[in-house]
N, C-alpha and C. Protein backbone atom coordinates (compact mmCIF):
# COMPACT_ATOMS: atom_id res chain seq x y z
N MET A 1 11.14 -25.50 -3.51
CA MET A 1 11.12 -24.34 -2.21
C MET A 1 10.82 -23.07 -2.69
N LYS A 2 12.57 -23.28 -3.21
CA LYS A 2 13.17 -21.15 -3.78
C LYS A 2 12.44 -20.50 -4.60
N LYS A 3 11.40 -20.88 -5.24
CA LYS A 3 10.14 -20.16 -5.99
C LYS A 3 9.52 -19.46 -4.54
N TRP A 4 8.54 -20.89 -3.40
CA TRP A 4 7.84 -20.37 -2.72
C TRP A 4 7.76 -19.38 -1.89
N ILE A 5 9.68 -19.86 -1.40
CA ILE A 5 10.30 -18.20 -1.03
C ILE A 5 10.39 -16.99 -1.38
N SER A 6 10.27 -16.99 -2.62
CA SER A 6 10.94 -16.04 -3.51
C SER A 6 9.43 -15.59 -2.97
N ILE A 7 8.27 -16.11 -3.98
CA ILE A 7 6.69 -15.36 -3.79
C ILE A 7 5.98 -14.50 -3.19
N LEU A 8 7.04 -15.54 -1.71
CA LEU A 8 6.14 -14.77 -0.18
C LEU A 8 6.40 -13.85 0.14
N LEU A 9 8.33 -13.12 -0.29
CA LEU A 9 9.06 -11.77 -0.07
C LEU A 9 7.99 -10.90 -0.98
N LEU A 10 8.11 -11.69 -2.41
CA LEU A 10 7.74 -10.28 -3.40
C LEU A 10 6.22 -10.39 -3.10
N THR A 11 5.86 -10.67 -2.32
CA THR A 11 4.14 -10.86 -2.14
C THR A 11 4.66 -9.87 -1.64
N ALA A 12 5.03 -10.03 0.46
CA ALA A 12 4.54 -8.98 1.01
C ALA A 12 5.78 -8.34 0.96
N THR A 13 6.49 -7.78 -0.07
CA THR A 13 7.09 -6.98 0.00
C THR A 13 6.02 -5.74 -0.60
N TYR A 14 5.67 -6.30 -1.42
CA TYR A 14 4.34 -5.50 -2.29
C TYR A 14 3.55 -5.10 -1.35
N SER A 15 2.85 -5.87 -0.64
CA SER A 15 1.20 -5.62 0.38
C SER A 15 1.86 -4.31 1.16
N LEU A 16 3.94 -4.30 1.57
CA LEU A 16 4.27 -3.26 2.27
C LEU A 16 4.02 -1.64 1.80
N PHE A 17 4.39 -2.15 0.27
CA PHE A 17 4.77 -0.32 -0.26
C PHE A 17 2.90 -0.03 -0.73
N THR A 18 2.15 -0.55 -0.68
CA THR A 18 0.75 -0.87 -0.63
C THR A 18 -0.86 -0.78 -0.08
N ILE A 19 0.17 -0.97 1.28
CA ILE A 19 -1.01 -0.77 2.48
C ILE A 19 -1.30 0.71 2.47
N ASP A 20 -1.34 1.50 1.95
CA ASP A 20 -2.15 3.46 2.59
C ASP A 20 -3.16 3.13 1.48
N HIS A 21 -3.00 2.08 -0.15
CA HIS A 21 -4.44 1.87 -1.29
C HIS A 21 -5.75 0.69 -0.18
N LEU A 22 -4.70 0.41 -0.01
CA LEU A 22 -5.97 -1.76 0.41
C LEU A 22 -7.86 -1.02 1.32
N GLN A 23 -8.74 -1.39 0.67
CA GLN A 23 -9.55 -1.23 1.11
C GLN A 23 -9.86 -1.78 2.53
N ALA A 24 -10.00 -1.54 3.14
CA ALA A 24 -11.12 -3.36 3.55
C ALA A 24 -12.27 -3.19 4.99
N GLN A 25 -12.49 -1.84 4.06
CA GLN A 25 -14.04 -1.41 4.91
C GLN A 25 -14.96 -1.81 4.25
N CYS A 26 -15.93 -2.66 5.44
CA CYS A 26 -17.68 -2.71 4.60
C CYS A 26 -18.09 -1.56 4.18
N SER A 27 -19.48 -1.30 3.38
CA SER A 27 -19.85 -0.18 3.17
C SER A 27 -20.77 0.65 4.29
N ILE A 28 -20.91 0.01 5.50
CA ILE A 28 -20.94 1.26 7.26
C ILE A 28 -20.29 1.53 7.28
N CYS A 29 -18.57 0.48 6.90
CA CYS A 29 -17.77 1.33 8.20
C CYS A 29 -17.35 2.40 7.17
N THR A 30 -17.25 2.46 6.00
CA THR A 30 -16.94 3.51 5.65
C THR A 30 -17.76 4.72 5.64
N ARG A 31 -19.33 4.79 5.61
CA ARG A 31 -20.06 5.96 5.25
C ARG A 31 -19.89 6.20 6.38
N THR A 32 -19.36 5.54 7.90
CA THR A 32 -18.84 6.51 8.96
C THR A 32 -17.67 6.90 9.09
N ALA A 33 -16.98 6.11 8.65
CA ALA A 33 -15.67 7.07 8.66
C ALA A 33 -15.66 8.36 7.62
N GLN A 34 -16.52 8.21 6.61
CA GLN A 34 -16.07 9.37 5.56
C GLN A 34 -17.30 10.45 6.71
N GLN A 35 -17.59 10.13 7.66
CA GLN A 35 -18.46 11.35 8.18
C GLN A 35 -17.27 12.31 8.90
N GLN A 36 -16.42 11.15 9.17
CA GLN A 36 -15.46 11.35 10.20
C GLN A 36 -14.10 12.04 10.14
N GLY A 37 -13.92 12.39 9.03
CA GLY A 37 -13.01 12.80 7.64
C GLY A 37 -11.82 11.85 8.08
N GLU A 38 -10.72 12.11 7.30
CA GLU A 38 -10.41 11.52 6.41
C GLU A 38 -9.09 10.82 6.97
N ARG A 39 -8.27 11.23 8.42
CA ARG A 39 -7.70 11.16 8.83
C ARG A 39 -8.68 9.60 9.64
N PRO A 40 -9.35 9.57 10.88
CA PRO A 40 -10.11 8.84 11.53
C PRO A 40 -10.68 7.45 10.50
N ALA A 41 -10.69 7.54 9.06
CA ALA A 41 -10.86 7.00 8.24
C ALA A 41 -9.73 5.81 7.70
N LYS A 42 -8.59 6.23 7.45
CA LYS A 42 -7.37 5.73 7.12
C LYS A 42 -6.71 5.29 9.08
N ALA A 43 -7.43 5.93 9.67
CA ALA A 43 -6.54 4.82 10.38
C ALA A 43 -7.14 4.21 11.11
N LEU A 44 -8.44 3.27 10.61
CA LEU A 44 -9.88 2.52 10.69
C LEU A 44 -9.93 1.48 9.62
N ASN A 45 -9.05 2.10 8.32
CA ASN A 45 -8.53 1.02 7.66
C ASN A 45 -8.05 0.17 8.17
N ALA A 46 -6.75 0.96 8.56
CA ALA A 46 -5.55 0.59 9.05
C ALA A 46 -5.42 -0.29 10.06
N GLY A 47 -6.33 0.16 10.77
CA GLY A 47 -6.80 -1.41 11.74
C GLY A 47 -7.51 -2.34 11.54
N ILE A 48 -8.36 -2.92 10.50
CA ILE A 48 -9.23 -3.37 10.16
C ILE A 48 -8.20 -4.37 9.27
N ILE A 49 -7.65 -3.81 8.93
CA ILE A 49 -5.82 -4.48 8.24
C ILE A 49 -5.14 -4.99 8.86
N TYR A 50 -4.64 -4.48 10.45
CA TYR A 50 -4.08 -4.88 11.00
C TYR A 50 -4.33 -5.96 12.27
N LEU A 51 -5.77 -6.41 12.18
CA LEU A 51 -6.56 -7.14 12.98
C LEU A 51 -6.35 -8.45 11.99
N ALA A 52 -6.96 -8.03 10.61
CA ALA A 52 -7.19 -9.56 9.66
C ALA A 52 -5.43 -9.86 9.25
N LEU A 53 -3.98 -9.37 9.55
CA LEU A 53 -3.42 -9.94 9.87
C LEU A 53 -3.47 -11.48 9.99
N MET A 54 -3.38 -11.34 11.48
CA MET A 54 -3.07 -12.88 12.16
C MET A 54 -4.36 -13.22 11.76
N PRO A 55 -5.21 -14.20 11.86
CA PRO A 55 -6.16 -15.41 11.39
C PRO A 55 -5.91 -15.01 10.25
N ILE A 56 -5.05 -14.45 8.86
CA ILE A 56 -4.58 -14.91 7.83
C ILE A 56 -3.12 -15.70 7.67
N THR A 57 -2.24 -14.98 8.50
CA THR A 57 -1.18 -16.27 9.37
C THR A 57 -1.27 -17.24 9.43
N ILE A 58 -2.72 -17.14 10.36
CA ILE A 58 -2.34 -19.13 11.05
C ILE A 58 -3.52 -19.86 10.37
N CYS A 59 -4.39 -18.96 9.13
CA CYS A 59 -4.48 -20.23 8.17
C CYS A 59 -3.69 -20.18 7.39
N SER A 60 -2.34 -19.45 6.79
CA SER A 60 -1.88 -19.51 5.76
C SER A 60 -0.50 -20.24 6.98
N VAL A 61 0.26 -20.02 7.74
CA VAL A 61 0.57 -21.71 8.38
C VAL A 61 0.08 -23.30 8.39
N ILE A 62 -0.77 -22.90 8.92
CA ILE A 62 -2.25 -24.16 8.73
C ILE A 62 -2.03 -24.92 7.67
N GLY A 63 -2.21 -24.37 6.19
CA GLY A 63 -2.63 -25.01 5.41
C GLY A 63 -0.89 -25.49 4.80
N TYR A 64 -0.26 -24.40 4.82
CA TYR A 64 1.06 -24.74 4.60
C TYR A 64 1.85 -26.43 5.18
N ARG A 65 1.65 -26.78 6.50
CA ARG A 65 2.03 -26.88 6.86
C ARG A 65 0.97 -28.37 6.52
N TRP A 66 -0.14 -28.75 6.76
CA TRP A 66 -1.51 -29.27 6.26
C TRP A 66 -0.53 -29.86 4.70
N TRP A 67 -0.19 -28.84 4.03
CA TRP A 67 0.18 -29.08 2.45
C TRP A 67 1.69 -29.83 2.55
N LYS A 68 2.26 -29.93 3.14
CA LYS A 68 3.94 -30.32 3.61
C LYS A 68 3.21 -31.51 3.81
N SER A 69 2.86 -31.30 4.78
CA SER A 69 2.04 -33.36 5.45
C SER A 69 2.25 -34.49 5.00
N ASN A 70 0.83 -33.58 3.58
CA ASN A 70 0.29 -34.28 2.87
C ASN A 70 0.79 -34.73 0.63
N ARG A 71 1.99 -34.05 1.09
CA ARG A 71 2.88 -34.00 0.30
C ARG A 71 3.97 -35.44 0.40
């Protein structure tokens, strides 16, 4: 259990420090954002990542509970 907590904390820390380098845009969103400039492109990318965090968190919690109950 300690191993999983340390992996989770390491992943969360790494993702917080590299959030500026994440590219979460599809090709259409990338082209649209490039036409608007650098600042709106970064804001659009941050918004996409923000919206993706909740479904990823929900799936992770469900997967963990499923794994824990079948263990």
